[in-house]
Protein backbone atom coordinates (compact mmCIF):
# COMPACT_ATOMS: atom_id res chain seq x y z
CA UNK A 1 -5.81 2.29 7.64
CA UNK A 2 -4.15 2.94 10.80
CA UNK A 3 -4.89 -0.75 12.01
CA UNK A 4 -3.51 -2.10 8.73
CA UNK A 5 -0.20 -0.18 9.23
CA UNK A 6 -0.02 -1.38 12.80
CA UNK A 7 -0.84 -5.04 11.70
CA UNK A 8 1.91 -4.83 9.10
CA UNK A 9 4.40 -3.20 11.36
CA UNK A 10 4.91 -0.17 9.02
CA UNK A 11 8.11 1.60 9.87
CA UNK A 12 9.09 3.39 6.60
CA UNK A 13 7.37 5.26 3.78
CA UNK A 14 7.70 1.98 1.75
CA UNK A 15 6.09 -0.09 4.50
CA UNK A 16 3.33 2.55 4.86
CA UNK A 17 2.65 2.51 1.07
CA UNK A 18 2.47 -1.36 1.07
CA UNK A 19 0.05 -1.00 4.00
CA UNK A 20 -2.06 1.31 1.92
CA UNK A 21 -2.24 -1.03 -0.86
CA UNK A 22 -3.20 -3.78 1.61
CA UNK A 23 -5.88 -1.67 3.01
CA UNK A 24 -7.30 -0.67 -0.49
CA UNK A 25 -7.23 -4.27 -1.71
CA UNK A 26 -7.96 -6.40 1.16
CA UNK A 27 -10.01 -4.14 3.52
CA UNK A 28 -11.89 -1.99 1.02
CA UNK A 29 -12.01 -4.71 -1.69
CA UNK A 30 -10.49 -2.39 -4.40
CA UNK A 31 -8.47 -4.37 -6.85
CA UNK A 32 -7.33 -1.40 -8.81
CA UNK A 33 -6.55 2.02 -7.37
CA UNK A 34 -5.11 5.40 -8.43
CA UNK A 35 -2.27 7.19 -7.09
CA UNK A 36 -4.59 9.61 -5.32
CA UNK A 37 -6.49 6.70 -3.77
CA UNK A 38 -3.32 5.26 -2.47
CA UNK A 39 -2.07 8.46 -1.17
CA UNK A 40 -5.32 9.40 0.52
CA UNK A 41 -5.26 5.88 2.28
CA UNK A 42 -1.67 6.53 3.54
CA UNK A 43 -2.78 9.88 5.09
CA UNK A 44 -5.41 8.10 7.06
CA UNK A 45 -2.62 6.31 9.03
CA UNK A 46 -2.32 8.90 11.65
CA UNK A 47 0.81 8.48 13.65
CA UNK A 48 2.51 6.80 10.64
CA UNK A 49 2.20 9.15 7.81
CA UNK A 50 4.87 11.92 7.58
CA UNK A 51 5.51 14.87 5.32
CA UNK A 52 8.42 13.00 3.76
CA UNK A 53 6.18 10.17 2.62
CA UNK A 54 4.48 12.88 0.51
CA UNK A 55 7.72 14.18 -0.78
CA UNK A 56 8.96 10.75 -1.70
CA UNK A 57 5.63 9.41 -3.01
CA UNK A 58 6.41 9.03 -6.62
CA UNK A 59 9.81 7.56 -6.15
CA UNK A 60 8.35 5.03 -3.61
CA UNK A 61 5.58 4.18 -5.94
CA UNK A 62 7.90 3.55 -8.91
CA UNK A 63 10.15 1.39 -6.66
CA UNK A 64 7.24 -0.87 -5.65
CA UNK A 65 6.31 -1.18 -9.29
CA UNK A 66 9.99 -2.02 -10.30
CA UNK A 67 10.34 -4.46 -7.42
CA UNK A 68 7.19 -6.44 -8.33
CA UNK A 69 4.97 -5.44 -5.45
CA UNK A 70 2.65 -3.43 -7.66
CA UNK A 71 1.63 -3.54 -11.35
CA UNK A 72 0.71 -0.41 -13.26
CA UNK A 73 -1.92 -0.66 -15.87
CA UNK A 74 -2.10 1.13 -19.11
CA UNK A 75 -4.69 3.61 -17.68
CA UNK A 76 -2.31 4.55 -14.78
CA UNK A 77 -3.98 2.59 -12.10
CA UNK A 78 -2.13 0.18 -9.78
CA UNK A 79 -2.82 -3.24 -8.35
CA UNK A 80 -0.93 -5.61 -6.11
CA UNK A 81 0.76 -8.42 -8.08
CA UNK A 82 -0.59 -11.87 -7.30
CA UNK A 83 2.26 -13.01 -5.20
CA UNK A 84 2.27 -9.95 -3.03
CA UNK A 85 -1.60 -10.12 -2.58
CA UNK A 86 -1.18 -13.66 -1.40
CA UNK A 87 1.53 -12.76 0.97
CA UNK A 88 -0.49 -9.91 2.50
CA UNK A 89 -3.69 -12.11 2.73
CA UNK A 90 -1.49 -14.69 4.65
CA UNK A 91 -0.20 -12.14 6.99
CA UNK A 92 -3.76 -10.83 7.62
CA UNK A 93 -5.12 -14.35 8.46
CA UNK A 94 -2.11 -15.01 10.81
CA UNK A 95 -2.77 -11.81 12.70
CA UNK A 96 -6.28 -13.01 13.27
């Protein structure tokens, strides 16, 4: 996860959460994930994860849903929207 955060240039809690979604989806192959899965992935990014990320987790997560980065399913799990998945796949491919 730390490598994903570095590859995507995570500088904020929002960036780190997007890196977490990329890690779960593109590296781990998990199309749908829970809040806890995402939070656990973020915590793995040593040197990036801060206490403020935990404090702002719910707000940041809802912001990503509202802005179209993530979809929330009826069972409370989350997934990258197709356009964001494609964007992150491209960024991964360009990074080598």
